[in-house]
Amino acid sequence: MPTNTKTQRKRSVAEFTREAATWPTIKELAADYGVSERWVRECVQHGRIAAIRLDLLRVDPDDWEAFLRERYRPADTD
C-alpha cells in the first residue's frame, strides 16, 4: 500500500513544531548563559543559529550549544 507523502509531511511539520515549542526564547538563553539578548538576537538574524517564531522567537538549543562550542572561548583565568 503506497504511503501518502503529504500526510507524512504534515505529521513531520507538526512534530517539529511541537518540539520547537519547547525551545528556549532569546531572553531565556541570554539569562541562562549570562550573555546579552542583543547578541543572541544578532546570531539568529545572521543565520548562525536555528530559530523559529511560534508564539515567540524560539532558538534550537542544540544549535546554540554547537554555535558556542565553535566560537565562544572563555577567558583563561589563573
N, C-alpha and C. Protein backbone atom coordinates (compact mmCIF):
# COMPACT_ATOMS: atom_id res chain seq x y z
N MET A 1 0.84 -1.17 0.00
CA MET A 1 0.00 0.00 0.00
C MET A 1 0.89 1.24 0.00
N PRO A 2 0.69 2.18 -0.94
CA PRO A 2 1.52 3.38 -1.02
C PRO A 2 1.28 4.31 0.16
N THR A 3 2.36 4.99 0.58
CA THR A 3 2.22 5.95 1.68
C THR A 3 1.88 7.31 1.11
N ASN A 4 1.16 8.07 1.87
CA ASN A 4 0.77 9.41 1.47
C ASN A 4 1.84 10.39 1.95
N THR A 5 2.66 10.90 1.03
CA THR A 5 3.76 11.78 1.42
C THR A 5 3.24 13.11 1.96
N LYS A 6 2.10 13.57 1.50
CA LYS A 6 1.53 14.82 2.01
C LYS A 6 1.17 14.66 3.49
N THR A 7 0.59 13.52 3.85
CA THR A 7 0.25 13.25 5.25
C THR A 7 1.52 13.13 6.09
N GLN A 8 2.54 12.46 5.55
CA GLN A 8 3.81 12.34 6.27
C GLN A 8 4.44 13.70 6.50
N ARG A 9 4.37 14.56 5.49
CA ARG A 9 4.94 15.89 5.60
C ARG A 9 4.21 16.69 6.68
N LYS A 10 2.89 16.63 6.68
CA LYS A 10 2.12 17.34 7.70
C LYS A 10 2.46 16.83 9.09
N ARG A 11 2.58 15.52 9.22
CA ARG A 11 2.91 14.93 10.51
C ARG A 11 4.30 15.37 10.95
N SER A 12 5.27 15.36 10.06
CA SER A 12 6.62 15.75 10.45
C SER A 12 6.69 17.24 10.79
N VAL A 13 5.93 18.07 10.09
CA VAL A 13 5.88 19.50 10.42
C VAL A 13 5.24 19.68 11.79
N ALA A 14 4.18 18.94 12.06
CA ALA A 14 3.52 19.04 13.36
C ALA A 14 4.45 18.58 14.48
N GLU A 15 5.19 17.49 14.25
CA GLU A 15 6.13 17.01 15.26
C GLU A 15 7.24 18.02 15.50
N PHE A 16 7.77 18.59 14.42
CA PHE A 16 8.81 19.60 14.54
C PHE A 16 8.30 20.82 15.32
N THR A 17 7.10 21.26 15.01
CA THR A 17 6.52 22.42 15.68
C THR A 17 6.32 22.15 17.17
N ARG A 18 5.85 20.96 17.51
CA ARG A 18 5.69 20.61 18.94
C ARG A 18 7.04 20.62 19.65
N GLU A 19 8.05 20.07 19.00
CA GLU A 19 9.39 20.07 19.61
C GLU A 19 9.92 21.50 19.74
N ALA A 20 9.76 22.29 18.69
CA ALA A 20 10.28 23.66 18.71
C ALA A 20 9.57 24.52 19.75
N ALA A 21 8.35 24.18 20.10
CA ALA A 21 7.62 24.93 21.12
C ALA A 21 8.28 24.80 22.49
N THR A 22 9.14 23.81 22.66
CA THR A 22 9.85 23.63 23.93
C THR A 22 11.21 24.33 23.95
N TRP A 23 11.64 24.84 22.79
CA TRP A 23 12.93 25.52 22.72
C TRP A 23 12.89 26.79 23.56
N PRO A 24 14.02 27.21 24.10
CA PRO A 24 14.04 28.44 24.88
C PRO A 24 13.92 29.68 24.00
N THR A 25 13.48 30.76 24.62
CA THR A 25 13.40 32.04 23.91
C THR A 25 14.77 32.71 23.97
N ILE A 26 14.92 33.78 23.22
CA ILE A 26 16.16 34.55 23.25
C ILE A 26 16.42 35.06 24.66
N LYS A 27 15.39 35.55 25.30
CA LYS A 27 15.53 36.08 26.66
C LYS A 27 15.99 34.99 27.63
N GLU A 28 15.40 33.81 27.52
CA GLU A 28 15.78 32.69 28.40
C GLU A 28 17.22 32.26 28.16
N LEU A 29 17.63 32.16 26.88
CA LEU A 29 19.01 31.78 26.58
C LEU A 29 20.00 32.79 27.14
N ALA A 30 19.70 34.06 26.91
CA ALA A 30 20.59 35.12 27.38
C ALA A 30 20.75 35.04 28.90
N ALA A 31 19.65 34.83 29.60
CA ALA A 31 19.71 34.74 31.07
C ALA A 31 20.46 33.49 31.52
N ASP A 32 20.20 32.36 30.89
CA ASP A 32 20.85 31.10 31.28
C ASP A 32 22.36 31.13 31.06
N TYR A 33 22.80 31.79 29.98
CA TYR A 33 24.22 31.79 29.64
C TYR A 33 24.95 33.07 30.03
N GLY A 34 24.22 34.03 30.57
CA GLY A 34 24.85 35.27 31.01
C GLY A 34 25.39 36.11 29.86
N VAL A 35 24.69 36.09 28.74
CA VAL A 35 25.08 36.91 27.59
C VAL A 35 23.95 37.88 27.29
N SER A 36 24.21 38.84 26.41
CA SER A 36 23.18 39.84 26.12
C SER A 36 22.14 39.28 25.15
N GLU A 37 20.90 39.73 25.35
CA GLU A 37 19.82 39.34 24.43
C GLU A 37 20.14 39.83 23.02
N ARG A 38 20.75 40.99 22.93
CA ARG A 38 21.09 41.56 21.63
C ARG A 38 22.02 40.64 20.85
N TRP A 39 23.01 40.07 21.54
CA TRP A 39 23.96 39.19 20.87
C TRP A 39 23.27 37.93 20.35
N VAL A 40 22.41 37.33 21.18
CA VAL A 40 21.68 36.14 20.75
C VAL A 40 20.79 36.48 19.56
N ARG A 41 20.10 37.61 19.63
CA ARG A 41 19.23 38.05 18.53
C ARG A 41 20.03 38.24 17.25
N GLU A 42 21.21 38.84 17.35
CA GLU A 42 22.05 39.03 16.16
C GLU A 42 22.48 37.69 15.57
N CYS A 43 22.79 36.71 16.43
CA CYS A 43 23.15 35.37 15.94
C CYS A 43 22.01 34.76 15.14
N VAL A 44 20.80 34.95 15.62
CA VAL A 44 19.62 34.43 14.91
C VAL A 44 19.45 35.18 13.58
N GLN A 45 19.54 36.50 13.62
CA GLN A 45 19.34 37.32 12.42
C GLN A 45 20.35 37.00 11.32
N HIS A 46 21.57 36.68 11.72
CA HIS A 46 22.62 36.38 10.74
C HIS A 46 22.65 34.91 10.35
N GLY A 47 21.70 34.12 10.86
CA GLY A 47 21.59 32.72 10.48
C GLY A 47 22.65 31.83 11.10
N ARG A 48 23.27 32.29 12.18
CA ARG A 48 24.30 31.48 12.83
C ARG A 48 23.70 30.36 13.66
N ILE A 49 22.48 30.56 14.14
CA ILE A 49 21.78 29.53 14.92
C ILE A 49 20.35 29.42 14.41
N ALA A 50 19.79 28.24 14.53
CA ALA A 50 18.44 27.98 14.05
C ALA A 50 17.42 28.49 15.06
N ALA A 51 16.35 29.06 14.53
CA ALA A 51 15.27 29.56 15.37
C ALA A 51 13.97 29.51 14.58
N ILE A 52 12.87 29.56 15.31
CA ILE A 52 11.56 29.56 14.68
C ILE A 52 10.66 30.46 15.51
N ARG A 53 9.81 31.19 14.82
CA ARG A 53 8.87 32.05 15.53
C ARG A 53 7.55 31.30 15.65
N LEU A 54 7.19 31.02 16.90
CA LEU A 54 5.88 30.43 17.17
C LEU A 54 5.10 31.50 17.92
N ASP A 55 4.94 31.39 19.21
CA ASP A 55 4.36 32.49 19.97
C ASP A 55 5.43 33.57 20.19
N LEU A 56 6.65 33.14 20.38
CA LEU A 56 7.83 33.98 20.50
C LEU A 56 8.91 33.36 19.63
N LEU A 57 9.97 34.09 19.41
CA LEU A 57 11.08 33.51 18.67
C LEU A 57 11.78 32.50 19.56
N ARG A 58 11.85 31.25 19.12
CA ARG A 58 12.44 30.18 19.90
C ARG A 58 13.69 29.68 19.19
N VAL A 59 14.72 29.39 19.95
CA VAL A 59 16.03 29.02 19.42
C VAL A 59 16.28 27.54 19.68
N ASP A 60 16.81 26.86 18.67
CA ASP A 60 17.16 25.45 18.81
C ASP A 60 18.31 25.33 19.81
N PRO A 61 18.08 24.71 20.97
CA PRO A 61 19.14 24.65 21.99
C PRO A 61 20.35 23.84 21.56
N ASP A 62 20.17 22.81 20.75
CA ASP A 62 21.30 22.02 20.27
C ASP A 62 22.17 22.85 19.32
N ASP A 63 21.52 23.64 18.47
CA ASP A 63 22.24 24.50 17.55
C ASP A 63 22.98 25.59 18.33
N TRP A 64 22.37 26.11 19.39
CA TRP A 64 23.01 27.11 20.23
C TRP A 64 24.28 26.54 20.87
N GLU A 65 24.18 25.34 21.42
CA GLU A 65 25.34 24.70 22.04
C GLU A 65 26.47 24.50 21.02
N ALA A 66 26.12 24.04 19.82
CA ALA A 66 27.12 23.84 18.78
C ALA A 66 27.77 25.17 18.39
N PHE A 67 26.97 26.21 18.29
CA PHE A 67 27.49 27.54 17.97
C PHE A 67 28.49 27.99 19.02
N LEU A 68 28.15 27.83 20.29
CA LEU A 68 29.05 28.23 21.35
C LEU A 68 30.35 27.43 21.34
N ARG A 69 30.25 26.13 21.11
CA ARG A 69 31.45 25.29 21.07
C ARG A 69 32.42 25.75 19.98
N GLU A 70 31.87 26.17 18.84
CA GLU A 70 32.71 26.59 17.71
C GLU A 70 33.32 27.97 17.90
N ARG A 71 32.60 28.88 18.53
CA ARG A 71 33.03 30.27 18.52
C ARG A 71 33.38 30.86 19.87
N TYR A 72 32.79 30.39 20.92
CA TYR A 72 32.98 31.00 22.23
C TYR A 72 34.17 30.39 22.95
N ARG A 73 35.10 31.23 23.31
CA ARG A 73 36.27 30.79 24.04
C ARG A 73 36.35 31.59 25.34
N PRO A 74 36.07 30.96 26.48
CA PRO A 74 36.15 31.69 27.74
C PRO A 74 37.57 32.16 28.01
N ALA A 75 37.68 33.23 28.74
CA ALA A 75 39.00 33.78 29.07
C ALA A 75 39.74 32.83 29.99
N ASP A 76 41.03 32.74 29.79
CA ASP A 76 41.85 31.93 30.68
C ASP A 76 42.01 32.66 32.01
N THR A 77 41.80 31.96 33.08
CA THR A 77 41.97 32.57 34.40
C THR A 77 42.95 31.71 35.19
N ASP A 78 43.85 32.36 35.82
CA ASP A 78 44.83 31.65 36.63
C ASP A 78 44.71 32.05 38.07
